[in-house]
Amino acid sequence: DLEEGDSTYQQMFMNRWLSDSGTFYILSIMKDESLKQSNVVLRGDPNREYVMSLDTARSRRGTGDDSTLCVMEIRSKPEVVFLWSINNVTAKDLADEVIRFMGLFGGTIRLVLDRRGGGDYVLDELTKQGLLLVDEPYSIPGRRIIVEFPSTPAEINRAHQELRSGFENGMVFLPRRTESDDPAELKAYNEVDDAIKQL
């Protein structure tokens, strides 16, 4: 019964950022934190560890999924170092991109995957390429790296609370806007708002 102009509708179904007073996350805090940090990383440091997260959303056009991949570097204050969004992608092509990014960030220790909204199809494709859920039986050969994103309402609420707390307490940072003319970096930054909303 939600109207299209309703703030809940806009946030949940249109994936739009609203003002600080109209959204759970405090956008001004998130953007303020982003000013303090380093540039986007286009290739991981082999001596560092990374966690990737992948969120897929069923496209309204029905021709593929709208998806975002986020890479966070593990350190005393974890930092988002790379964000990537793509629209109208098939599950197989998205799985291929995940494999490619794991090659760029070779120290990836976990891939957090939201299985809803098309994520199950991506999981099937990743499994074909040897990436498995961490709790798969050892009789199945492959790299056990995939963790499911929380799916129950209580788990989702806890995840949102912890992420917001991380921003408010300066424990999670976004990449700072680059001063470089590198097209790849500029493209990543131009999609920061679209990518972060998927977290």
C-alpha atoms as a PDB file:
ATOM      1  CA  ASP A   1       0.000   0.000   0.000  1.00  0.00           C
ATOM      2  CA  LEU A   2       3.035   2.303  -0.182  1.00  0.00           C
ATOM      3  CA  GLU A   3       2.879   5.254  -2.545  1.00  0.00           C
ATOM      4  CA  GLU A   4       5.834   5.929  -4.857  1.00  0.00           C
ATOM      5  CA  GLY A   5       6.513   9.257  -3.137  1.00  0.00           C
ATOM      6  CA  ASP A   6       6.635   7.661   0.323  1.00  0.00           C
ATOM      7  CA  SER A   7      10.120   7.727   1.888  1.00  0.00           C
ATOM      8  CA  THR A   8      10.015   4.016   2.778  1.00  0.00           C
ATOM      9  CA  TYR A   9       9.077   3.137  -0.786  1.00  0.00           C
ATOM     10  CA  GLN A  10      11.887   5.290  -2.174  1.00  0.00           C
ATOM     11  CA  GLN A  11      14.481   3.693   0.098  1.00  0.00           C
ATOM     12  CA  MET A  12      13.362   0.064  -0.103  1.00  0.00           C
ATOM     13  CA  PHE A  13      12.221  -0.217  -3.702  1.00  0.00           C
ATOM     14  CA  MET A  14      13.836   2.684  -5.557  1.00  0.00           C
ATOM     15  CA  ASN A  15      17.206   2.485  -3.725  1.00  0.00           C
ATOM     16  CA  ARG A  16      17.388   6.240  -3.242  1.00  0.00           C
ATOM     17  CA  TRP A  17      19.346   8.147  -0.635  1.00  0.00           C
ATOM     18  CA  LEU A  18      17.242  10.642   1.263  1.00  0.00           C
ATOM     19  CA  SER A  19      18.230  13.379   3.674  1.00  0.00           C
ATOM     20  CA  ASP A  20      19.759  12.503   7.045  1.00  0.00           C
ATOM     21  CA  SER A  21      16.376  12.839   8.700  1.00  0.00           C
ATOM     22  CA  GLY A  22      14.732  10.495   6.224  1.00  0.00           C
ATOM     23  CA  THR A  23      17.068   7.516   6.197  1.00  0.00           C
ATOM     24  CA  PHE A  24      18.437   5.001   8.701  1.00  0.00           C
ATOM     25  CA  TYR A  25      22.031   5.741   7.736  1.00  0.00           C
ATOM     26  CA  ILE A  26      23.360   9.226   8.414  1.00  0.00           C
ATOM     27  CA  LEU A  27      24.632  10.138   4.986  1.00  0.00           C
ATOM     28  CA  SER A  28      26.512  13.244   6.082  1.00  0.00           C
ATOM     29  CA  ILE A  29      28.599  11.192   8.534  1.00  0.00           C
ATOM     30  CA  MET A  30      29.400   8.621   5.857  1.00  0.00           C
ATOM     31  CA  LYS A  31      30.494  11.276   3.365  1.00  0.00           C
ATOM     32  CA  ASP A  32      32.475  13.125   6.029  1.00  0.00           C
ATOM     33  CA  GLU A  33      34.407   9.959   6.866  1.00  0.00           C
ATOM     34  CA  SER A  34      35.212   9.491   3.189  1.00  0.00           C
ATOM     35  CA  LEU A  35      37.209  12.740   3.126  1.00  0.00           C
ATOM     36  CA  LYS A  36      39.815  11.417   5.539  1.00  0.00           C
ATOM     37  CA  GLN A  37      40.914   8.352   3.650  1.00  0.00           C
ATOM     38  CA  SER A  38      43.113   7.252   0.777  1.00  0.00           C
ATOM     39  CA  ASN A  39      42.276   6.825  -2.881  1.00  0.00           C
ATOM     40  CA  VAL A  40      40.507   3.891  -4.429  1.00  0.00           C
ATOM     41  CA  VAL A  41      42.680   0.784  -4.771  1.00  0.00           C
ATOM     42  CA  LEU A  42      42.465  -0.794  -8.230  1.00  0.00           C
ATOM     43  CA  ARG A  43      44.664  -3.784  -7.348  1.00  0.00           C
ATOM     44  CA  GLY A  44      45.068  -5.327  -3.928  1.00  0.00           C
ATOM     45  CA  ASP A  45      48.268  -5.503  -1.932  1.00  0.00           C
ATOM     46  CA  PRO A  46      49.362  -9.180  -1.834  1.00  0.00           C
ATOM     47  CA  ASN A  47      50.371  -8.690   1.806  1.00  0.00           C
ATOM     48  CA  ARG A  48      46.876  -7.510   2.845  1.00  0.00           C
ATOM     49  CA  GLU A  49      43.607  -9.354   3.380  1.00  0.00           C
ATOM     50  CA  TYR A  50      40.286  -8.336   1.846  1.00  0.00           C
ATOM     51  CA  VAL A  51      36.610  -9.089   2.283  1.00  0.00           C
ATOM     52  CA  MET A  52      34.313  -8.728  -0.720  1.00  0.00           C
ATOM     53  CA  SER A  53      30.561  -8.352  -0.602  1.00  0.00           C
ATOM     54  CA  LEU A  54      28.196  -8.839  -3.525  1.00  0.00           C
ATOM     55  CA  ASP A  55      24.596  -7.685  -3.644  1.00  0.00           C
ATOM     56  CA  THR A  56      22.324  -8.404  -6.574  1.00  0.00           C
ATOM     57  CA  ALA A  57      18.901  -6.874  -7.125  1.00  0.00           C
ATOM     58  CA  ARG A  58      16.356  -8.039  -9.649  1.00  0.00           C
ATOM     59  CA  SER A  59      16.230  -5.508 -12.457  1.00  0.00           C
ATOM     60  CA  ARG A  60      12.888  -3.799 -13.059  1.00  0.00           C
ATOM     61  CA  ARG A  61      13.551  -4.287 -16.775  1.00  0.00           C
ATOM     62  CA  GLY A  62      13.728  -8.043 -16.333  1.00  0.00           C
ATOM     63  CA  THR A  63      16.772  -8.374 -18.588  1.00  0.00           C
ATOM     64  CA  GLY A  64      19.331  -9.054 -15.876  1.00  0.00           C
ATOM     65  CA  ASP A  65      20.375  -8.031 -12.407  1.00  0.00           C
ATOM     66  CA  ASP A  66      21.591  -4.711 -11.015  1.00  0.00           C
ATOM     67  CA  SER A  67      24.557  -5.548  -8.824  1.00  0.00           C
ATOM     68  CA  THR A  68      27.228  -3.982  -6.639  1.00  0.00           C
ATOM     69  CA  LEU A  69      30.535  -5.390  -5.441  1.00  0.00           C
ATOM     70  CA  CYS A  70      32.361  -3.842  -2.491  1.00  0.00           C
ATOM     71  CA  VAL A  71      35.926  -4.602  -1.365  1.00  0.00           C
ATOM     72  CA  MET A  72      37.031  -3.832   2.193  1.00  0.00           C
ATOM     73  CA  GLU A  73      40.633  -4.004   3.333  1.00  0.00           C
ATOM     74  CA  ILE A  74      41.146  -5.626   6.731  1.00  0.00           C
ATOM     75  CA  ARG A  75      43.095  -3.395   9.118  1.00  0.00           C
ATOM     76  CA  SER A  76      42.646  -1.893  12.593  1.00  0.00           C
ATOM     77  CA  LYS A  77      40.022   0.391  11.026  1.00  0.00           C
ATOM     78  CA  PRO A  78      38.584  -1.522   8.048  1.00  0.00           C
ATOM     79  CA  GLU A  79      38.379   0.590   4.918  1.00  0.00           C
ATOM     80  CA  VAL A  80      36.295   0.275   1.786  1.00  0.00           C
ATOM     81  CA  VAL A  81      38.886   0.456  -0.992  1.00  0.00           C
ATOM     82  CA  PHE A  82      36.879  -0.437  -4.076  1.00  0.00           C
ATOM     83  CA  LEU A  83      33.261  -0.200  -5.226  1.00  0.00           C
ATOM     84  CA  TRP A  84      31.851  -1.442  -8.518  1.00  0.00           C
ATOM     85  CA  SER A  85      28.303  -1.441  -9.896  1.00  0.00           C
ATOM     86  CA  ILE A  86      26.851  -2.992 -13.027  1.00  0.00           C
ATOM     87  CA  ASN A  87      23.348  -3.136 -14.491  1.00  0.00           C
ATOM     88  CA  ASN A  88      21.613  -5.735 -16.643  1.00  0.00           C
ATOM     89  CA  VAL A  89      24.145  -8.491 -16.024  1.00  0.00           C
ATOM     90  CA  THR A  90      23.523 -12.229 -16.168  1.00  0.00           C
ATOM     91  CA  ALA A  91      24.439 -14.481 -13.251  1.00  0.00           C
ATOM     92  CA  LYS A  92      27.215 -16.150 -15.265  1.00  0.00           C
ATOM     93  CA  ASP A  93      28.761 -12.855 -16.362  1.00  0.00           C
ATOM     94  CA  LEU A  94      28.564 -11.529 -12.810  1.00  0.00           C
ATOM     95  CA  ALA A  95      30.278 -14.655 -11.460  1.00  0.00           C
ATOM     96  CA  ASP A  96      33.021 -14.163 -14.076  1.00  0.00           C
ATOM     97  CA  GLU A  97      33.496 -10.565 -12.872  1.00  0.00           C
ATOM     98  CA  VAL A  98      33.721 -11.731  -9.245  1.00  0.00           C
ATOM     99  CA  ILE A  99      36.457 -14.188 -10.226  1.00  0.00           C
ATOM    100  CA  ARG A 100      38.267 -11.383 -12.070  1.00  0.00           C
ATOM    101  CA  PHE A 101      38.110  -9.082  -9.048  1.00  0.00           C
ATOM    102  CA  MET A 102      39.331 -11.870  -6.791  1.00  0.00           C
ATOM    103  CA  GLY A 103      42.351 -12.057  -9.075  1.00  0.00           C
ATOM    104  CA  LEU A 104      42.943  -8.325  -8.590  1.00  0.00           C
ATOM    105  CA  PHE A 105      42.473  -8.654  -4.819  1.00  0.00           C
ATOM    106  CA  GLY A 106      44.347 -11.912  -4.312  1.00  0.00           C
ATOM    107  CA  GLY A 107      44.259 -11.639  -0.539  1.00  0.00           C
ATOM    108  CA  THR A 108      40.467 -12.069  -0.443  1.00  0.00           C
ATOM    109  CA  ILE A 109      39.580 -14.261   2.522  1.00  0.00           C
ATOM    110  CA  ARG A 110      35.769 -14.008   2.353  1.00  0.00           C
ATOM    111  CA  LEU A 111      33.030 -13.235  -0.145  1.00  0.00           C
ATOM    112  CA  VAL A 112      29.800 -12.140   1.519  1.00  0.00           C
ATOM    113  CA  LEU A 113      26.892 -12.916  -0.790  1.00  0.00           C
ATOM    114  CA  ASP A 114      23.256 -11.894  -0.525  1.00  0.00           C
ATOM    115  CA  ARG A 115      21.438 -14.887  -1.987  1.00  0.00           C
ATOM    116  CA  ARG A 116      18.171 -13.040  -2.485  1.00  0.00           C
ATOM    117  CA  GLY A 117      17.332 -10.952  -5.551  1.00  0.00           C
ATOM    118  CA  GLY A 118      19.191 -13.255  -7.923  1.00  0.00           C
ATOM    119  CA  GLY A 119      22.087 -14.110  -5.635  1.00  0.00           C
ATOM    120  CA  ASP A 120      21.235 -17.826  -5.691  1.00  0.00           C
ATOM    121  CA  TYR A 121      21.879 -17.929  -9.431  1.00  0.00           C
ATOM    122  CA  VAL A 122      25.223 -16.204  -8.958  1.00  0.00           C
ATOM    123  CA  LEU A 123      26.105 -18.701  -6.212  1.00  0.00           C
ATOM    124  CA  ASP A 124      25.382 -21.565  -8.630  1.00  0.00           C
ATOM    125  CA  GLU A 125      27.742 -20.027 -11.191  1.00  0.00           C
ATOM    126  CA  LEU A 126      30.469 -19.383  -8.601  1.00  0.00           C
ATOM    127  CA  THR A 127      30.166 -22.979  -7.402  1.00  0.00           C
ATOM    128  CA  LYS A 128      30.803 -24.167 -10.970  1.00  0.00           C
ATOM    129  CA  GLN A 129      34.054 -22.182 -10.839  1.00  0.00           C
ATOM    130  CA  GLY A 130      35.148 -23.743  -7.544  1.00  0.00           C
ATOM    131  CA  LEU A 131      34.040 -21.150  -4.988  1.00  0.00           C
ATOM    132  CA  LEU A 132      31.962 -22.705  -2.213  1.00  0.00           C
ATOM    133  CA  LEU A 133      30.063 -21.732   0.911  1.00  0.00           C
ATOM    134  CA  VAL A 134      32.332 -22.000   3.964  1.00  0.00           C
ATOM    135  CA  ASP A 135      30.183 -24.765   5.470  1.00  0.00           C
ATOM    136  CA  GLU A 136      30.093 -27.033   2.413  1.00  0.00           C
ATOM    137  CA  PRO A 137      31.149 -30.642   3.116  1.00  0.00           C
ATOM    138  CA  TYR A 138      34.830 -31.326   2.529  1.00  0.00           C
ATOM    139  CA  SER A 139      33.870 -34.126   0.146  1.00  0.00           C
ATOM    140  CA  ILE A 140      33.146 -31.354  -2.384  1.00  0.00           C
ATOM    141  CA  PRO A 141      36.367 -29.946  -3.877  1.00  0.00           C
ATOM    142  CA  GLY A 142      36.728 -26.175  -4.003  1.00  0.00           C
ATOM    143  CA  ARG A 143      37.682 -23.030  -2.129  1.00  0.00           C
ATOM    144  CA  ARG A 144      35.408 -22.463   0.892  1.00  0.00           C
ATOM    145  CA  ILE A 145      35.186 -18.685   0.920  1.00  0.00           C
ATOM    146  CA  ILE A 146      31.520 -17.649   0.512  1.00  0.00           C
ATOM    147  CA  VAL A 147      29.505 -16.472   3.514  1.00  0.00           C
ATOM    148  CA  GLU A 148      25.787 -15.821   3.247  1.00  0.00           C
ATOM    149  CA  PHE A 149      24.572 -12.320   4.035  1.00  0.00           C
ATOM    150  CA  PRO A 150      22.076 -12.369   6.945  1.00  0.00           C
ATOM    151  CA  SER A 151      18.566 -13.008   5.678  1.00  0.00           C
ATOM    152  CA  THR A 152      16.163 -13.060   8.620  1.00  0.00           C
ATOM    153  CA  PRO A 153      14.652  -9.726   9.710  1.00  0.00           C
ATOM    154  CA  ALA A 154      16.503  -9.913  13.049  1.00  0.00           C
ATOM    155  CA  GLU A 155      19.850 -10.622  11.327  1.00  0.00           C
ATOM    156  CA  ILE A 156      19.330  -7.820   8.803  1.00  0.00           C
ATOM    157  CA  ASN A 157      18.419  -5.365  11.562  1.00  0.00           C
ATOM    158  CA  ARG A 158      21.554  -6.305  13.517  1.00  0.00           C
ATOM    159  CA  ALA A 159      23.730  -5.915  10.396  1.00  0.00           C
ATOM    160  CA  HIS A 160      22.289  -2.451   9.741  1.00  0.00           C
ATOM    161  CA  GLN A 161      22.806  -1.408  13.367  1.00  0.00           C
ATOM    162  CA  GLU A 162      26.408  -2.601  13.374  1.00  0.00           C
ATOM    163  CA  LEU A 163      27.213  -0.899  10.052  1.00  0.00           C
ATOM    164  CA  ARG A 164      25.698   2.391  11.164  1.00  0.00           C
ATOM    165  CA  SER A 165      27.597   2.148  14.449  1.00  0.00           C
ATOM    166  CA  GLY A 166      30.797   1.520  12.478  1.00  0.00           C
ATOM    167  CA  PHE A 167      30.329   4.756  10.552  1.00  0.00           C
ATOM    168  CA  GLU A 168      29.326   6.772  13.612  1.00  0.00           C
ATOM    169  CA  ASN A 169      32.316   5.553  15.627  1.00  0.00           C
ATOM    170  CA  GLY A 170      34.852   6.043  12.851  1.00  0.00           C
ATOM    171  CA  MET A 171      35.502   2.330  12.358  1.00  0.00           C
ATOM    172  CA  VAL A 172      34.462   2.113   8.686  1.00  0.00           C
ATOM    173  CA  PHE A 173      35.704   4.492   6.018  1.00  0.00           C
ATOM    174  CA  LEU A 174      34.871   5.155   2.389  1.00  0.00           C
ATOM    175  CA  PRO A 175      37.495   5.951  -0.229  1.00  0.00           C
ATOM    176  CA  ARG A 176      38.339   9.645  -0.619  1.00  0.00           C
ATOM    177  CA  ARG A 177      37.579  11.202  -4.005  1.00  0.00           C
ATOM    178  CA  THR A 178      40.603  10.942  -6.247  1.00  0.00           C
ATOM    179  CA  GLU A 179      42.494  13.870  -7.717  1.00  0.00           C
ATOM    180  CA  SER A 180      43.683  11.597 -10.513  1.00  0.00           C
ATOM    181  CA  ASP A 181      42.378  11.720 -14.089  1.00  0.00           C
ATOM    182  CA  ASP A 182      42.469   7.918 -14.293  1.00  0.00           C
ATOM    183  CA  PRO A 183      39.135   6.939 -15.950  1.00  0.00           C
ATOM    184  CA  ALA A 184      38.877   3.747 -13.876  1.00  0.00           C
ATOM    185  CA  GLU A 185      39.210   5.666 -10.594  1.00  0.00           C
ATOM    186  CA  LEU A 186      36.791   8.367 -11.720  1.00  0.00           C
ATOM    187  CA  LYS A 187      34.218   5.761 -12.750  1.00  0.00           C
ATOM    188  CA  ALA A 188      34.502   4.060  -9.359  1.00  0.00           C
ATOM    189  CA  TYR A 189      33.988   7.340  -7.517  1.00  0.00           C
ATOM    190  CA  ASN A 190      31.097   8.424  -9.697  1.00  0.00           C
ATOM    191  CA  GLU A 191      29.240   5.311  -8.541  1.00  0.00           C
ATOM    192  CA  VAL A 192      30.045   5.548  -4.819  1.00  0.00           C
ATOM    193  CA  ASP A 193      26.541   6.593  -3.791  1.00  0.00           C
ATOM    194  CA  ASP A 194      24.944   3.848  -5.891  1.00  0.00           C
ATOM    195  CA  ALA A 195      27.334   1.236  -4.540  1.00  0.00           C
ATOM    196  CA  ILE A 196      27.282   2.170  -0.846  1.00  0.00           C
ATOM    197  CA  LYS A 197      23.485   2.019  -0.694  1.00  0.00           C
ATOM    198  CA  GLN A 198      23.767  -1.718  -1.450  1.00  0.00           C
ATOM    199  CA  LEU A 199      25.650  -2.349   1.796  1.00  0.00           C
END
